[in-house]
Amino acid sequence: QVQLVESGGGLVQAGGSLRLSCAASGRTFSSYTMGWFRQAPGKEREFVASMSWTGATTYYTYYADSVKGRFTISKDNAQNTVYLQMKSLKPEDTAVYYCAAKSYGNSRFESHYDYWGKGTQVTVSS
């Protein structure tokens, strides 16, 4: 069982930065694939970024095209925490951001993820 708690959301001006954190419980955190998704008002939840573990210290990361080059996903296994560093934020990045975890393999499909946090609100003003 994995429990996820997001933090770090808030209000920021366009062009600004935020770092989201997702604190995870569970002894096998290091081997889980971790993902970030977001849901804007009136829209479906969408994939943002994910990081999968392939052994030792090797990870694969994937990003949605809309955030590539602006967002960075990272993990701190010692702290059982995954981060989403967001830079050059745009008003269209406004959404509730969710952290998710799955046991094996990387995926950008939310249906493949087993565990979810409750989300943190990010609002980008123009």
Foldseek 3Di string as FASTA:
>chain_A
DKAKAKDWADEAAAQAKTKMKIAMDDPPLVQKKKFKWWDDPPGDIFGAKIWGDDDDPDIDMDGDPVQPPFWDWDDDVVRNMIMIIGGSDDQVVWTWMKMFIARDDDDGDPVRTDYIYPTDTHGYHD
